[in-house]
Amino acid sequence: MGVITIQPGQAVPVYECRPVVFRTPAEMGEGDIRHIDWERYEAAALTDTVTGLTVREATEVRACWSSEWVYVLFTCRDAHVVSNFQHRDDPLYEQDVVELFIDEVKAGTEYIELEVSPHNVVFDARIWNDGHRSITASDVSWDMEGLETAVKHDADGGWTCEIRIPTHHFLALPCSGRSWNVNFYRIDEDPQGPVNSRHGVRRERSITTFRPDSANWCSSISCGRAGGDNTPIQYGSGCCF
């Protein structure tokens, strides 16, 4: 899908979420995360939330689904990991983190927020707002039962995070033609930024998203289906996962 820049009046981008395909035992490499054949799926590049431009530490997102799970993979370049939190529902958004927001009913007033740190610490909550970006209530005590996450680091300064979401948490199971409002985010601390007076180090934050504008919901995920040649079929326009 590449870098996406949205101009006023343009429809929100649609990420086609195709059915999951697992690698065969012969294709599995040592350390493969969950053995999903992620190379089959379109990679959506996250861009700066304000400018829509690419950033130094790139992030890509892929997604797929089954009747039981929705799978999301973040692939992050990161030469400087800042991640000190150790407990579930710590304020992970204050340091390096990937984030996923899901609004199943597409009303813009209630959504699920999932965050995972580079050390596989999880933040999950239900959020309510007034539809105009102001949060009116939140339930951080809520835990997504059955949520599974896996983080893997490589030797080249990168990490991947796979999020496996049980579909029984939603009002309706994923199926061909269904869509939800979503947003993908990454927060990345940069040691080359302005001086942080508390710690005496240079640090700024890079915040990237799937759609760089002021809307709460930046993108659509449409559940496609595989044809005989595993070619996805897209349903509808302007739908949001």
Protein backbone atom coordinates (compact mmCIF):
# COMPACT_ATOMS: atom_id res chain seq x y z
CA MET A 1 0.00 0.00 0.00
CA GLY A 2 2.97 2.27 0.56
CA VAL A 3 2.93 5.77 1.98
CA ILE A 4 -0.55 7.27 2.08
CA THR A 5 -1.26 11.00 2.12
CA ILE A 6 -4.89 12.10 2.44
CA GLN A 7 -6.04 15.44 1.09
CA PRO A 8 -9.26 17.20 2.23
CA GLY A 9 -12.29 15.62 0.60
CA GLN A 10 -10.56 12.31 -0.11
CA ALA A 11 -12.06 9.07 1.14
CA VAL A 12 -10.30 7.32 3.99
CA PRO A 13 -7.82 4.66 2.87
CA VAL A 14 -9.03 1.06 2.99
CA TYR A 15 -6.70 -1.69 4.10
CA GLU A 16 -7.96 -4.99 2.74
CA CYS A 17 -7.70 -7.55 5.51
CA ARG A 18 -7.35 -10.93 3.83
CA PRO A 19 -7.93 -14.38 5.36
CA VAL A 20 -5.03 -15.80 7.33
CA VAL A 21 -2.64 -18.25 5.65
CA PHE A 22 -0.14 -20.18 7.73
CA ARG A 23 3.26 -21.38 6.59
CA THR A 24 3.77 -25.06 5.98
CA PRO A 25 6.28 -26.87 8.23
CA ALA A 26 8.78 -26.85 5.36
CA GLU A 27 8.52 -23.06 5.03
CA MET A 28 8.93 -22.25 8.71
CA GLY A 29 12.20 -20.66 9.74
CA GLU A 30 13.62 -20.74 13.23
CA GLY A 31 12.04 -18.01 15.32
CA ASP A 32 9.11 -17.32 12.96
CA ILE A 33 6.38 -15.49 14.86
CA ARG A 34 3.21 -17.59 14.93
CA HIS A 35 4.12 -19.07 11.53
CA ILE A 36 1.72 -16.80 9.62
CA ASP A 37 2.85 -16.22 6.04
CA TRP A 38 2.99 -12.46 6.48
CA GLU A 39 4.66 -11.87 3.11
CA ARG A 40 1.30 -12.59 1.47
CA TYR A 41 -0.24 -9.44 2.92
CA GLU A 42 -0.06 -5.80 1.87
CA ALA A 43 2.24 -3.66 4.01
CA ALA A 44 0.83 -0.26 5.02
CA ALA A 45 3.56 2.29 5.82
CA LEU A 46 2.97 4.64 8.74
CA THR A 47 3.83 8.29 8.21
CA ASP A 48 4.22 11.37 10.40
CA THR A 49 0.92 12.29 12.05
CA VAL A 50 1.27 16.00 11.21
CA THR A 51 3.14 16.22 7.91
CA GLY A 52 2.32 12.88 6.32
CA LEU A 53 6.00 12.49 5.45
CA THR A 54 8.18 9.44 5.95
CA VAL A 55 10.27 9.22 9.13
CA ARG A 56 13.76 7.92 9.84
CA GLU A 57 12.59 4.89 11.82
CA ALA A 58 10.07 3.27 9.48
CA THR A 59 7.01 1.26 10.54
CA GLU A 60 4.84 -1.07 8.48
CA VAL A 61 1.59 -2.76 9.41
CA ARG A 62 -0.03 -5.89 8.02
CA ALA A 63 -3.30 -7.56 9.02
CA CYS A 64 -5.29 -10.70 8.33
CA TRP A 65 -8.24 -12.52 9.89
CA SER A 66 -10.09 -15.76 10.61
CA SER A 67 -13.44 -16.38 12.25
CA GLU A 68 -11.66 -16.74 15.60
CA TRP A 69 -8.87 -14.15 15.44
CA VAL A 70 -7.82 -10.83 13.94
CA TYR A 71 -4.05 -10.71 13.45
CA VAL A 72 -1.98 -7.52 13.20
CA LEU A 73 1.78 -7.31 12.62
CA PHE A 74 3.84 -4.16 13.23
CA THR A 75 7.37 -4.13 11.78
CA CYS A 76 9.49 -1.34 13.31
CA ARG A 77 12.99 -0.02 12.71
CA ASP A 78 14.38 1.25 16.01
CA ALA A 79 17.99 2.14 16.70
CA HIS A 80 17.18 3.49 20.18
CA VAL A 81 14.60 1.58 22.21
CA VAL A 82 13.11 3.45 25.18
CA SER A 83 10.91 1.07 27.13
CA ASN A 84 11.09 0.83 30.91
CA PHE A 85 7.55 -0.20 31.81
CA GLN A 86 7.07 -3.72 33.15
CA HIS A 87 3.42 -4.08 34.15
CA ARG A 88 0.16 -4.41 32.28
CA ASP A 89 -1.66 -1.10 31.82
CA ASP A 90 1.39 0.98 32.70
CA PRO A 91 1.30 4.24 30.68
CA LEU A 92 3.11 2.71 27.71
CA TYR A 93 2.18 5.71 25.53
CA GLU A 94 4.83 7.73 27.38
CA GLN A 95 7.64 5.72 25.71
CA ASP A 96 8.18 3.54 22.64
CA VAL A 97 5.01 1.68 21.76
CA VAL A 98 2.78 0.48 18.93
CA GLU A 99 -0.95 1.17 19.21
CA LEU A 100 -4.13 -0.16 17.65
CA PHE A 101 -7.57 1.46 18.00
CA ILE A 102 -10.74 -0.39 16.97
CA ASP A 103 -14.21 1.14 16.62
CA GLU A 104 -16.43 -1.73 15.52
CA VAL A 105 -19.71 0.18 15.29
CA LYS A 106 -18.09 3.15 13.51
CA ALA A 107 -19.85 5.76 15.63
CA GLY A 108 -16.64 7.46 16.75
CA THR A 109 -17.70 7.52 20.39
CA GLU A 110 -16.47 4.17 21.76
CA TYR A 111 -13.41 2.14 20.91
CA ILE A 112 -10.89 -0.43 22.11
CA GLU A 113 -7.30 0.71 22.60
CA LEU A 114 -4.48 -1.85 22.50
CA GLU A 115 -0.81 -0.99 22.98
CA VAL A 116 2.30 -3.17 23.08
CA SER A 117 5.79 -2.09 24.12
CA PRO A 118 9.08 -3.34 22.61
CA HIS A 119 9.32 -5.65 25.64
CA ASN A 120 5.85 -7.14 25.07
CA VAL A 121 4.12 -5.27 27.89
CA VAL A 122 0.42 -4.70 27.13
CA PHE A 123 -1.96 -1.80 27.71
CA ASP A 124 -5.63 -2.47 26.91
CA ALA A 125 -8.63 -0.30 27.66
CA ARG A 126 -12.09 0.73 26.55
CA ILE A 127 -12.43 4.41 25.72
CA TRP A 128 -15.47 6.64 25.30
CA ASN A 129 -15.43 10.13 23.80
CA ASP A 130 -17.82 12.83 22.61
CA GLY A 131 -17.11 12.28 18.93
CA HIS A 132 -14.95 15.42 18.83
CA ARG A 133 -11.65 14.00 20.12
CA SER A 134 -12.42 14.66 23.80
CA ILE A 135 -12.33 11.54 25.99
CA THR A 136 -15.29 11.40 28.36
CA ALA A 137 -14.54 8.08 30.11
CA SER A 138 -12.10 5.18 30.06
CA ASP A 139 -11.86 1.73 31.62
CA VAL A 140 -8.21 0.77 32.02
CA SER A 141 -9.15 -2.03 34.43
CA TRP A 142 -10.71 -3.91 31.51
CA ASP A 143 -8.49 -6.66 30.12
CA MET A 144 -9.06 -8.25 26.74
CA GLU A 145 -9.41 -11.89 27.73
CA GLY A 146 -7.48 -14.20 25.43
CA LEU A 147 -5.39 -11.44 23.84
CA GLU A 148 -2.05 -12.78 22.63
CA THR A 149 1.03 -10.75 21.70
CA ALA A 150 4.53 -11.65 20.62
CA VAL A 151 7.55 -9.37 20.19
CA LYS A 152 10.76 -10.33 18.41
CA HIS A 153 13.95 -8.23 18.06
CA ASP A 154 16.53 -8.64 15.30
CA ALA A 155 20.25 -7.87 15.15
CA ASP A 156 19.77 -4.90 12.81
CA GLY A 157 17.92 -2.58 15.17
CA GLY A 158 14.38 -3.63 14.49
CA TRP A 159 11.49 -5.35 16.19
CA THR A 160 8.19 -6.93 15.23
CA CYS A 161 5.02 -7.12 17.26
CA GLU A 162 2.24 -9.52 16.41
CA ILE A 163 -1.14 -8.93 18.04
CA ARG A 164 -3.69 -11.73 18.02
CA ILE A 165 -7.20 -10.50 18.94
CA PRO A 166 -9.97 -12.99 19.83
CA THR A 167 -13.04 -12.18 17.76
CA HIS A 168 -15.49 -13.11 20.53
CA HIS A 169 -14.93 -9.61 21.94
CA PHE A 170 -16.83 -8.08 19.03
CA LEU A 171 -20.53 -7.82 18.30
CA ALA A 172 -20.15 -9.62 14.97
CA LEU A 173 -17.48 -11.99 13.69
CA PRO A 174 -15.25 -10.93 10.80
CA CYS A 175 -16.55 -12.06 7.44
CA SER A 176 -16.25 -11.03 3.79
CA GLY A 177 -17.62 -7.53 3.34
CA ARG A 178 -17.53 -6.49 7.00
CA SER A 179 -15.46 -3.50 8.06
CA TRP A 180 -14.51 -1.55 11.19
CA ASN A 181 -12.98 1.85 11.89
CA VAL A 182 -9.36 1.46 12.94
CA ASN A 183 -6.20 3.41 13.49
CA PHE A 184 -2.59 2.24 13.69
CA TYR A 185 -0.01 4.30 15.60
CA ARG A 186 3.58 4.08 16.69
CA ILE A 187 5.36 6.32 19.21
CA ASP A 188 9.14 6.28 18.96
CA GLU A 189 11.51 8.15 21.27
CA ASP A 190 14.43 9.82 19.49
CA PRO A 191 17.63 10.65 21.44
CA GLN A 192 18.53 13.42 18.96
CA GLY A 193 15.62 15.67 19.93
CA PRO A 194 15.53 18.69 22.25
CA VAL A 195 16.97 18.48 25.75
CA ASN A 196 14.74 16.82 28.31
CA SER A 197 15.39 18.89 31.44
CA ARG A 198 14.40 16.14 33.82
CA HIS A 199 16.88 13.59 32.51
CA GLY A 200 19.47 15.86 30.89
CA VAL A 201 19.34 14.01 27.58
CA ARG A 202 18.22 14.97 24.12
CA ARG A 203 14.95 13.29 23.26
CA GLU A 204 11.95 13.90 21.06
CA ARG A 205 9.03 11.74 19.99
CA SER A 206 8.26 10.50 16.51
CA ILE A 207 4.54 9.69 16.16
CA THR A 208 3.42 7.92 13.02
CA THR A 209 0.04 6.78 11.78
CA PHE A 210 -1.71 5.14 8.82
CA ARG A 211 -3.51 8.36 7.86
CA PRO A 212 -1.78 11.68 8.62
CA ASP A 213 -4.54 14.18 9.36
CA SER A 214 -6.69 15.40 12.22
CA ALA A 215 -9.42 12.78 12.01
CA ASN A 216 -9.91 10.39 14.91
CA TRP A 217 -10.20 7.44 12.55
CA CYS A 218 -7.61 7.34 9.85
CA SER A 219 -8.36 4.22 7.94
CA SER A 220 -10.64 1.41 6.96
CA ILE A 221 -10.03 -2.30 7.11
CA SER A 222 -12.30 -4.25 4.84
CA CYS A 223 -12.56 -8.01 5.30
CA GLY A 224 -11.93 -9.53 1.90
CA ARG A 225 -12.06 -13.12 0.78
CA ALA A 226 -9.67 -15.27 -1.21
CA GLY A 227 -10.58 -16.33 -4.72
CA GLY A 228 -9.34 -19.46 -6.41
CA ASP A 229 -5.90 -17.86 -6.83
CA ASN A 230 -6.02 -16.29 -3.36
CA THR A 231 -6.72 -12.89 -4.94
CA PRO A 232 -8.54 -10.57 -2.52
CA ILE A 233 -11.94 -9.13 -3.41
CA GLN A 234 -12.85 -5.75 -1.96
CA TYR A 235 -16.40 -4.95 -0.91
CA GLY A 236 -17.85 -1.47 -0.84
CA SER A 237 -16.17 1.91 -0.65
CA GLY A 238 -15.60 4.22 2.25
CA CYS A 239 -16.11 1.40 4.74
CA CYS A 240 -14.01 1.38 7.88
CA PHE A 241 -12.97 -1.67 9.87
